[in-house]
Every structure is written in C-alpha cells, then in structure tokens.
Amino acid sequence: YDSMTRIYYRGARAAIVCYEISNQIAFNRAKHWVRELRSIEEKCKIYICATKTDLLDEGREPAPSLDAVGAYASGIQAKLFITSSKTGENI
C-alpha cells in the first residue's frame, strides 16, 4: 500500500497531513508521511493539522506537546493548524 501512495503525490504542490492531537502514534505516522512526501516532492508545501482538539476539553493531553509539534512544523517549513470538526474550530 505504501508504495502505491507515491503515485498519488507525485507532482503534488501541497499536502495536508493530519493526526489526532492526543495520539503520539498518529503523530509519528504523520511524520512518516511527511518524509515520504518530501522524498518524492521536495518543494511540496506541507500543512500539519492536529485534529480533535475537543478531546483536550475532556481532559486528554496533547501528545506530543503542542510546543514540540510547533517546533517540528517550523523545522520542516510547514504551517500548523489546530482543529476540531466537532466544535468547528479552524474548520
């Protein structure tokens, strides 16, 4: 499956890579997709989207911290969006 996805982002100019804000494994997987994208399309603009921020209101903690995610996004020249479909935040 992973090798097939490369076909879809060849020539991509932008990509939105999403992960659940309280799920470290999901964030690690998002970083994997960023590496994959950049290995095919170096100049592809990346947008990192932390989803389900409404879970933070329910006592869940961001994993990793939003500071760490922000630093990662800056390091790869990506823009970070914090969103919740449930509340409509930044949708």
PDB file of N, CA and C in Angstrom:
ATOM      1  N   TYR A   1       0.823  -1.201   0.000  1.00  0.00           N
ATOM      2  CA  TYR A   1       0.000   0.000   0.000  1.00  0.00           C
ATOM      3  C   TYR A   1       0.860   1.254   0.000  1.00  0.00           C
ATOM      4  N   ASP A   2       1.881   1.288   0.843  1.00  0.00           N
ATOM      5  CA  ASP A   2       2.730   2.483   0.923  1.00  0.00           C
ATOM      6  C   ASP A   2       3.336   2.844  -0.426  1.00  0.00           C
ATOM      7  N   SER A   3       3.785   1.852  -1.170  1.00  0.00           N
ATOM      8  CA  SER A   3       4.406   2.142  -2.465  1.00  0.00           C
ATOM      9  C   SER A   3       3.391   2.693  -3.463  1.00  0.00           C
ATOM     10  N   MET A   4       2.146   2.288  -3.368  1.00  0.00           N
ATOM     11  CA  MET A   4       1.106   2.795  -4.261  1.00  0.00           C
ATOM     12  C   MET A   4       0.809   4.265  -4.005  1.00  0.00           C
ATOM     13  N   THR A   5       0.903   4.691  -2.763  1.00  0.00           N
ATOM     14  CA  THR A   5       0.558   6.079  -2.455  1.00  0.00           C
ATOM     15  C   THR A   5       1.508   7.062  -3.111  1.00  0.00           C
ATOM     16  N   ARG A   6       2.726   6.646  -3.380  1.00  0.00           N
ATOM     17  CA  ARG A   6       3.699   7.545  -4.017  1.00  0.00           C
ATOM     18  C   ARG A   6       3.206   8.031  -5.369  1.00  0.00           C
ATOM     19  N   ILE A   7       2.449   7.205  -6.043  1.00  0.00           N
ATOM     20  CA  ILE A   7       1.885   7.586  -7.337  1.00  0.00           C
ATOM     21  C   ILE A   7       0.977   8.803  -7.170  1.00  0.00           C
ATOM     22  N   TYR A   8       0.227   8.847  -6.090  1.00  0.00           N
ATOM     23  CA  TYR A   8      -0.764   9.896  -5.894  1.00  0.00           C
ATOM     24  C   TYR A   8      -0.150  11.239  -5.539  1.00  0.00           C
ATOM     25  N   TYR A   9       0.997  11.252  -4.877  1.00  0.00           N
ATOM     26  CA  TYR A   9       1.548  12.554  -4.537  1.00  0.00           C
ATOM     27  C   TYR A   9       2.712  12.992  -5.393  1.00  0.00           C
ATOM     28  N   ARG A  10       2.994  12.278  -6.445  1.00  0.00           N
ATOM     29  CA  ARG A  10       3.978  12.735  -7.427  1.00  0.00           C
ATOM     30  C   ARG A  10       3.416  13.979  -8.115  1.00  0.00           C
ATOM     31  N   GLY A  11       4.168  15.052  -8.099  1.00  0.00           N
ATOM     32  CA  GLY A  11       3.725  16.308  -8.690  1.00  0.00           C
ATOM     33  C   GLY A  11       2.893  17.169  -7.752  1.00  0.00           C
ATOM     34  N   ALA A  12       2.691  16.719  -6.525  1.00  0.00           N
ATOM     35  CA  ALA A  12       1.882  17.490  -5.566  1.00  0.00           C
ATOM     36  C   ALA A  12       2.579  18.800  -5.209  1.00  0.00           C
ATOM     37  N   ARG A  13       1.813  19.846  -5.125  1.00  0.00           N
ATOM     38  CA  ARG A  13       2.344  21.147  -4.723  1.00  0.00           C
ATOM     39  C   ARG A  13       2.057  21.442  -3.258  1.00  0.00           C
ATOM     40  N   ALA A  14       1.050  20.764  -2.708  1.00  0.00           N
ATOM     41  CA  ALA A  14       0.689  20.972  -1.304  1.00  0.00           C
ATOM     42  C   ALA A  14       0.053  19.698  -0.757  1.00  0.00           C
ATOM     43  N   ALA A  15       0.193  19.516   0.557  1.00  0.00           N
ATOM     44  CA  ALA A  15      -0.403  18.355   1.219  1.00  0.00           C
ATOM     45  C   ALA A  15      -0.812  18.733   2.635  1.00  0.00           C
ATOM     46  N   ILE A  16      -1.942  18.223   3.066  1.00  0.00           N
ATOM     47  CA  ILE A  16      -2.402  18.380   4.443  1.00  0.00           C
ATOM     48  C   ILE A  16      -2.209  17.030   5.122  1.00  0.00           C
ATOM     49  N   VAL A  17      -1.393  17.024   6.162  1.00  0.00           N
ATOM     50  CA  VAL A  17      -1.099  15.795   6.898  1.00  0.00           C
ATOM     51  C   VAL A  17      -1.733  15.935   8.276  1.00  0.00           C
ATOM     52  N   CYS A  18      -2.691  15.065   8.574  1.00  0.00           N
ATOM     53  CA  CYS A  18      -3.469  15.173   9.809  1.00  0.00           C
ATOM     54  C   CYS A  18      -3.090  14.086  10.806  1.00  0.00           C
ATOM     55  N   TYR A  19      -3.255  14.433  12.080  1.00  0.00           N
ATOM     56  CA  TYR A  19      -3.082  13.450  13.152  1.00  0.00           C
ATOM     57  C   TYR A  19      -3.984  13.856  14.305  1.00  0.00           C
ATOM     58  N   GLU A  20      -4.393  12.877  15.108  1.00  0.00           N
ATOM     59  CA  GLU A  20      -5.205  13.172  16.290  1.00  0.00           C
ATOM     60  C   GLU A  20      -4.313  13.781  17.367  1.00  0.00           C
ATOM     61  N   ILE A  21      -4.725  14.907  17.913  1.00  0.00           N
ATOM     62  CA  ILE A  21      -3.892  15.709  18.802  1.00  0.00           C
ATOM     63  C   ILE A  21      -3.399  14.974  20.050  1.00  0.00           C
ATOM     64  N   SER A  22      -4.110  13.964  20.505  1.00  0.00           N
ATOM     65  CA  SER A  22      -3.710  13.267  21.738  1.00  0.00           C
ATOM     66  C   SER A  22      -3.125  11.880  21.474  1.00  0.00           C
ATOM     67  N   ASN A  23      -2.700  11.632  20.242  1.00  0.00           N
ATOM     68  CA  ASN A  23      -2.242  10.295  19.869  1.00  0.00           C
ATOM     69  C   ASN A  23      -0.812  10.348  19.328  1.00  0.00           C
ATOM     70  N   GLN A  24       0.147   9.983  20.157  1.00  0.00           N
ATOM     71  CA  GLN A  24       1.561  10.018  19.771  1.00  0.00           C
ATOM     72  C   GLN A  24       1.839   9.117  18.566  1.00  0.00           C
ATOM     73  N   ILE A  25       1.203   7.962  18.522  1.00  0.00           N
ATOM     74  CA  ILE A  25       1.418   7.049  17.395  1.00  0.00           C
ATOM     75  C   ILE A  25       0.943   7.693  16.094  1.00  0.00           C
ATOM     76  N   ALA A  26      -0.195   8.365  16.149  1.00  0.00           N
ATOM     77  CA  ALA A  26      -0.710   9.050  14.960  1.00  0.00           C
ATOM     78  C   ALA A  26       0.246  10.157  14.521  1.00  0.00           C
ATOM     79  N   PHE A  27       0.833  10.872  15.477  1.00  0.00           N
ATOM     80  CA  PHE A  27       1.797  11.915  15.128  1.00  0.00           C
ATOM     81  C   PHE A  27       3.036  11.303  14.472  1.00  0.00           C
ATOM     82  N   ASN A  28       3.520  10.206  15.016  1.00  0.00           N
ATOM     83  CA  ASN A  28       4.680   9.535  14.420  1.00  0.00           C
ATOM     84  C   ASN A  28       4.376   9.093  12.991  1.00  0.00           C
ATOM     85  N   ARG A  29       3.164   8.614  12.772  1.00  0.00           N
ATOM     86  CA  ARG A  29       2.763   8.194  11.425  1.00  0.00           C
ATOM     87  C   ARG A  29       2.674   9.408  10.493  1.00  0.00           C
ATOM     88  N   ALA A  30       2.191  10.525  11.010  1.00  0.00           N
ATOM     89  CA  ALA A  30       2.135  11.747  10.204  1.00  0.00           C
ATOM     90  C   ALA A  30       3.541  12.165   9.771  1.00  0.00           C
ATOM     91  N   LYS A  31       4.499  12.059  10.691  1.00  0.00           N
ATOM     92  CA  LYS A  31       5.887  12.382  10.345  1.00  0.00           C
ATOM     93  C   LYS A  31       6.402  11.449   9.251  1.00  0.00           C
ATOM     94  N   HIS A  32       6.000  10.194   9.304  1.00  0.00           N
ATOM     95  CA  HIS A  32       6.362   9.241   8.244  1.00  0.00           C
ATOM     96  C   HIS A  32       5.855   9.739   6.890  1.00  0.00           C
ATOM     97  N   TRP A  33       4.599  10.187   6.840  1.00  0.00           N
ATOM     98  CA  TRP A  33       4.027  10.650   5.576  1.00  0.00           C
ATOM     99  C   TRP A  33       4.719  11.910   5.087  1.00  0.00           C
ATOM    100  N   VAL A  34       5.107  12.774   6.005  1.00  0.00           N
ATOM    101  CA  VAL A  34       5.853  13.974   5.603  1.00  0.00           C
ATOM    102  C   VAL A  34       7.174  13.561   4.948  1.00  0.00           C
ATOM    103  N   ARG A  35       7.881  12.620   5.565  1.00  0.00           N
ATOM    104  CA  ARG A  35       9.146  12.144   4.972  1.00  0.00           C
ATOM    105  C   ARG A  35       8.903  11.540   3.588  1.00  0.00           C
ATOM    106  N   GLU A  36       7.848  10.741   3.465  1.00  0.00           N
ATOM    107  CA  GLU A  36       7.514  10.143   2.172  1.00  0.00           C
ATOM    108  C   GLU A  36       7.235  11.218   1.123  1.00  0.00           C
ATOM    109  N   LEU A  37       6.419  12.185   1.487  1.00  0.00           N
ATOM    110  CA  LEU A  37       6.100  13.274   0.560  1.00  0.00           C
ATOM    111  C   LEU A  37       7.353  14.005   0.111  1.00  0.00           C
ATOM    112  N   ARG A  38       8.163  14.378   1.068  1.00  0.00           N
ATOM    113  CA  ARG A  38       9.368  15.149   0.750  1.00  0.00           C
ATOM    114  C   ARG A  38      10.386  14.324  -0.036  1.00  0.00           C
ATOM    115  N   SER A  39      10.373  13.016   0.113  1.00  0.00           N
ATOM    116  CA  SER A  39      11.305  12.192  -0.665  1.00  0.00           C
ATOM    117  C   SER A  39      10.924  12.175  -2.145  1.00  0.00           C
ATOM    118  N   ILE A  40       9.656  12.401  -2.444  1.00  0.00           N
ATOM    119  CA  ILE A  40       9.175  12.427  -3.827  1.00  0.00           C
ATOM    120  C   ILE A  40       9.091  13.859  -4.343  1.00  0.00           C
ATOM    121  N   GLU A  41       8.564  14.750  -3.524  1.00  0.00           N
ATOM    122  CA  GLU A  41       8.348  16.150  -3.911  1.00  0.00           C
ATOM    123  C   GLU A  41       8.966  17.076  -2.870  1.00  0.00           C
ATOM    124  N   GLU A  42      10.227  17.430  -3.067  1.00  0.00           N
ATOM    125  CA  GLU A  42      10.950  18.264  -2.099  1.00  0.00           C
ATOM    126  C   GLU A  42      10.270  19.592  -1.821  1.00  0.00           C
ATOM    127  N   LYS A  43       9.668  20.191  -2.837  1.00  0.00           N
ATOM    128  CA  LYS A  43       9.111  21.536  -2.695  1.00  0.00           C
ATOM    129  C   LYS A  43       7.628  21.541  -2.328  1.00  0.00           C
ATOM    130  N   CYS A  44       7.071  20.390  -2.059  1.00  0.00           N
ATOM    131  CA  CYS A  44       5.661  20.296  -1.689  1.00  0.00           C
ATOM    132  C   CYS A  44       5.418  21.056  -0.387  1.00  0.00           C
ATOM    133  N   LYS A  45       4.460  21.981  -0.398  1.00  0.00           N
ATOM    134  CA  LYS A  45       4.099  22.700   0.826  1.00  0.00           C
ATOM    135  C   LYS A  45       3.345  21.735   1.735  1.00  0.00           C
ATOM    136  N   ILE A  46       3.735  21.727   3.000  1.00  0.00           N
ATOM    137  CA  ILE A  46       3.125  20.812   3.966  1.00  0.00           C
ATOM    138  C   ILE A  46       2.332  21.622   4.983  1.00  0.00           C
ATOM    139  N   TYR A  47       1.137  21.162   5.265  1.00  0.00           N
ATOM    140  CA  TYR A  47       0.301  21.719   6.315  1.00  0.00           C
ATOM    141  C   TYR A  47       0.028  20.595   7.307  1.00  0.00           C
ATOM    142  N   ILE A  48       0.424  20.799   8.562  1.00  0.00           N
ATOM    143  CA  ILE A  48       0.176  19.823   9.621  1.00  0.00           C
ATOM    144  C   ILE A  48      -1.141  20.213  10.289  1.00  0.00           C
ATOM    145  N   CYS A  49      -2.022  19.252  10.436  1.00  0.00           N
ATOM    146  CA  CYS A  49      -3.333  19.512  11.015  1.00  0.00           C
ATOM    147  C   CYS A  49      -3.539  18.606  12.229  1.00  0.00           C
ATOM    148  N   ALA A  50      -3.526  19.209  13.409  1.00  0.00           N
ATOM    149  CA  ALA A  50      -3.835  18.480  14.642  1.00  0.00           C
ATOM    150  C   ALA A  50      -5.356  18.483  14.788  1.00  0.00           C
ATOM    151  N   THR A  51      -5.958  17.307  14.785  1.00  0.00           N
ATOM    152  CA  THR A  51      -7.418  17.198  14.811  1.00  0.00           C
ATOM    153  C   THR A  51      -7.929  16.821  16.202  1.00  0.00           C
ATOM    154  N   LYS A  52      -9.225  16.921  16.364  1.00  0.00           N
ATOM    155  CA  LYS A  52      -9.933  16.503  17.583  1.00  0.00           C
ATOM    156  C   LYS A  52      -9.487  17.265  18.833  1.00  0.00           C
ATOM    157  N   THR A  53      -9.282  18.575  18.694  1.00  0.00           N
ATOM    158  CA  THR A  53      -8.881  19.356  19.868  1.00  0.00           C
ATOM    159  C   THR A  53      -9.955  19.374  20.946  1.00  0.00           C
ATOM    160  N   ASP A  54     -11.174  19.032  20.590  1.00  0.00           N
ATOM    161  CA  ASP A  54     -12.237  18.946  21.594  1.00  0.00           C
ATOM    162  C   ASP A  54     -11.909  17.909  22.664  1.00  0.00           C
ATOM    163  N   LEU A  55     -11.055  16.933  22.344  1.00  0.00           N
ATOM    164  CA  LEU A  55     -10.648  15.930  23.338  1.00  0.00           C
ATOM    165  C   LEU A  55      -9.857  16.561  24.482  1.00  0.00           C
ATOM    166  N   LEU A  56      -9.187  17.668  24.210  1.00  0.00           N
ATOM    167  CA  LEU A  56      -8.427  18.347  25.266  1.00  0.00           C
ATOM    168  C   LEU A  56      -9.370  18.912  26.322  1.00  0.00           C
ATOM    169  N   ASP A  57     -10.561  19.332  25.896  1.00  0.00           N
ATOM    170  CA  ASP A  57     -11.562  19.827  26.846  1.00  0.00           C
ATOM    171  C   ASP A  57     -12.083  18.709  27.740  1.00  0.00           C
ATOM    172  N   GLU A  58     -11.898  17.473  27.305  1.00  0.00           N
ATOM    173  CA  GLU A  58     -12.339  16.308  28.076  1.00  0.00           C
ATOM    174  C   GLU A  58     -11.225  15.751  28.950  1.00  0.00           C
ATOM    175  N   GLY A  59     -10.129  16.496  29.069  1.00  0.00           N
ATOM    176  CA  GLY A  59      -9.043  16.086  29.951  1.00  0.00           C
ATOM    177  C   GLY A  59      -7.894  15.354  29.289  1.00  0.00           C
ATOM    178  N   ARG A  60      -7.986  15.094  27.993  1.00  0.00           N
ATOM    179  CA  ARG A  60      -6.865  14.445  27.300  1.00  0.00           C
ATOM    180  C   ARG A  60      -5.734  15.456  27.136  1.00  0.00           C
ATOM    181  N   GLU A  61      -4.519  14.952  27.057  1.00  0.00           N
ATOM    182  CA  GLU A  61      -3.334  15.791  26.881  1.00  0.00           C
ATOM    183  C   GLU A  61      -2.827  15.661  25.448  1.00  0.00           C
ATOM    184  N   PRO A  62      -2.295  16.765  24.895  1.00  0.00           N
ATOM    185  CA  PRO A  62      -1.690  16.632  23.571  1.00  0.00           C
ATOM    186  C   PRO A  62      -0.450  15.748  23.636  1.00  0.00           C
ATOM    187  N   ALA A  63      -0.289  14.912  22.631  1.00  0.00           N
ATOM    188  CA  ALA A  63       0.873  14.025  22.586  1.00  0.00           C
ATOM    189  C   ALA A  63       1.374  13.960  21.145  1.00  0.00           C
ATOM    190  N   PRO A  64       2.518  14.523  20.870  1.00  0.00           N
ATOM    191  CA  PRO A  64       3.402  15.246  21.779  1.00  0.00           C
ATOM    192  C   PRO A  64       2.822  16.615  22.120  1.00  0.00           C
ATOM    193  N   SER A  65       3.547  17.373  22.917  1.00  0.00           N
ATOM    194  CA  SER A  65       3.075  18.702  23.308  1.00  0.00           C
ATOM    195  C   SER A  65       2.934  19.586  22.069  1.00  0.00           C
ATOM    196  N   LEU A  66       2.071  20.583  22.173  1.00  0.00           N
ATOM    197  CA  LEU A  66       1.895  21.496  21.048  1.00  0.00           C
ATOM    198  C   LEU A  66       3.168  22.277  20.762  1.00  0.00           C
ATOM    199  N   ASP A  67       3.975  22.540  21.787  1.00  0.00           N
ATOM    200  CA  ASP A  67       5.270  23.194  21.557  1.00  0.00           C
ATOM    201  C   ASP A  67       6.161  22.321  20.687  1.00  0.00           C
ATOM    202  N   ALA A  68       6.189  21.026  20.978  1.00  0.00           N
ATOM    203  CA  ALA A  68       7.009  20.099  20.194  1.00  0.00           C
ATOM    204  C   ALA A  68       6.502  19.999  18.755  1.00  0.00           C
ATOM    205  N   VAL A  69       5.197  19.963  18.586  1.00  0.00           N
ATOM    206  CA  VAL A  69       4.627  19.891  17.240  1.00  0.00           C
ATOM    207  C   VAL A  69       4.925  21.181  16.479  1.00  0.00           C
ATOM    208  N   GLY A  70       4.799  22.311  17.164  1.00  0.00           N
ATOM    209  CA  GLY A  70       5.118  23.594  16.538  1.00  0.00           C
ATOM    210  C   GLY A  70       6.571  23.668  16.102  1.00  0.00           C
ATOM    211  N   ALA A  71       7.464  23.170  16.944  1.00  0.00           N
ATOM    212  CA  ALA A  71       8.891  23.158  16.602  1.00  0.00           C
ATOM    213  C   ALA A  71       9.141  22.247  15.401  1.00  0.00           C
ATOM    214  N   TYR A  72       8.486  21.098  15.386  1.00  0.00           N
ATOM    215  CA  TYR A  72       8.621  20.184  14.247  1.00  0.00           C
ATOM    216  C   TYR A  72       8.131  20.863  12.969  1.00  0.00           C
ATOM    217  N   ALA A  73       6.955  21.480  13.038  1.00  0.00           N
ATOM    218  CA  ALA A  73       6.391  22.149  11.863  1.00  0.00           C
ATOM    219  C   ALA A  73       7.332  23.243  11.361  1.00  0.00           C
ATOM    220  N   SER A  74       7.861  24.036  12.266  1.00  0.00           N
ATOM    221  CA  SER A  74       8.808  25.086  11.872  1.00  0.00           C
ATOM    222  C   SER A  74      10.040  24.487  11.217  1.00  0.00           C
ATOM    223  N   GLY A  75      10.516  23.392  11.774  1.00  0.00           N
ATOM    224  CA  GLY A  75      11.717  22.741  11.264  1.00  0.00           C
ATOM    225  C   GLY A  75      11.581  22.202   9.853  1.00  0.00           C
ATOM    226  N   ILE A  76      10.364  21.889   9.450  1.00  0.00           N
ATOM    227  CA  ILE A  76      10.148  21.381   8.090  1.00  0.00           C
ATOM    228  C   ILE A  76       9.458  22.430   7.210  1.00  0.00           C
ATOM    229  N   GLN A  77       9.415  23.671   7.695  1.00  0.00           N
ATOM    230  CA  GLN A  77       8.776  24.779   6.975  1.00  0.00           C
ATOM    231  C   GLN A  77       7.315  24.472   6.650  1.00  0.00           C
ATOM    232  N   ALA A  78       6.609  23.948   7.645  1.00  0.00           N
ATOM    233  CA  ALA A  78       5.185  23.637   7.490  1.00  0.00           C
ATOM    234  C   ALA A  78       4.369  24.580   8.362  1.00  0.00           C
ATOM    235  N   LYS A  79       3.123  24.738   8.014  1.00  0.00           N
ATOM    236  CA  LYS A  79       2.204  25.523   8.825  1.00  0.00           C
ATOM    237  C   LYS A  79       1.367  24.555   9.649  1.00  0.00           C
ATOM    238  N   LEU A  80       1.129  24.905  10.915  1.00  0.00           N
ATOM    239  CA  LEU A  80       0.366  24.055  11.833  1.00  0.00           C
ATOM    240  C   LEU A  80      -1.024  24.630  12.049  1.00  0.00           C
ATOM    241  N   PHE A  81      -2.026  23.765  11.938  1.00  0.00           N
ATOM    242  CA  PHE A  81      -3.407  24.130  12.231  1.00  0.00           C
ATOM    243  C   PHE A  81      -3.913  23.227  13.345  1.00  0.00           C
ATOM    244  N   ILE A  82      -4.616  23.812  14.294  1.00  0.00           N
ATOM    245  CA  ILE A  82      -5.229  23.084  15.408  1.00  0.00           C
ATOM    246  C   ILE A  82      -6.734  23.105  15.141  1.00  0.00           C
ATOM    247  N   THR A  83      -7.359  21.930  15.014  1.00  0.00           N
ATOM    248  CA  THR A  83      -8.749  21.884  14.561  1.00  0.00           C
ATOM    249  C   THR A  83      -9.622  20.938  15.382  1.00  0.00           C
ATOM    250  N   SER A  84     -10.922  21.175  15.270  1.00  0.00           N
ATOM    251  CA  SER A  84     -11.917  20.242  15.797  1.00  0.00           C
ATOM    252  C   SER A  84     -13.137  20.286  14.887  1.00  0.00           C
ATOM    253  N   SER A  85     -13.441  19.181  14.272  1.00  0.00           N
ATOM    254  CA  SER A  85     -14.661  19.107  13.464  1.00  0.00           C
ATOM    255  C   SER A  85     -15.894  19.174  14.355  1.00  0.00           C
ATOM    256  N   LYS A  86     -15.770  18.636  15.552  1.00  0.00           N
ATOM    257  CA  LYS A  86     -16.899  18.599  16.486  1.00  0.00           C
ATOM    258  C   LYS A  86     -17.332  20.002  16.889  1.00  0.00           C
ATOM    259  N   THR A  87     -16.362  20.869  17.211  1.00  0.00           N
ATOM    260  CA  THR A  87     -16.695  22.229  17.645  1.00  0.00           C
ATOM    261  C   THR A  87     -16.654  23.240  16.507  1.00  0.00           C
ATOM    262  N   GLY A  88     -16.067  22.846  15.370  1.00  0.00           N
ATOM    263  CA  GLY A  88     -15.925  23.755  14.239  1.00  0.00           C
ATOM    264  C   GLY A  88     -14.680  24.625  14.317  1.00  0.00           C
ATOM    265  N   GLU A  89     -13.829  24.391  15.306  1.00  0.00           N
ATOM    266  CA  GLU A  89     -12.620  25.202  15.471  1.00  0.00           C
ATOM    267  C   GLU A  89     -11.698  25.056  14.263  1.00  0.00           C
ATOM    268  N   ASN A  90     -11.401  26.196  13.642  1.00  0.00           N
ATOM    269  CA  ASN A  90     -10.481  26.277  12.493  1.00  0.00           C
ATOM    270  C   ASN A  90     -10.863  25.374  11.325  1.00  0.00           C
ATOM    271  N   ILE A  91     -12.162  25.165  11.153  1.00  0.00           N
ATOM    272  CA  ILE A  91     -12.641  24.356  10.019  1.00  0.00           C
ATOM    273  C   ILE A  91     -13.032  25.276   8.882  1.00  0.00           C
TER     274      ILE A  91
END
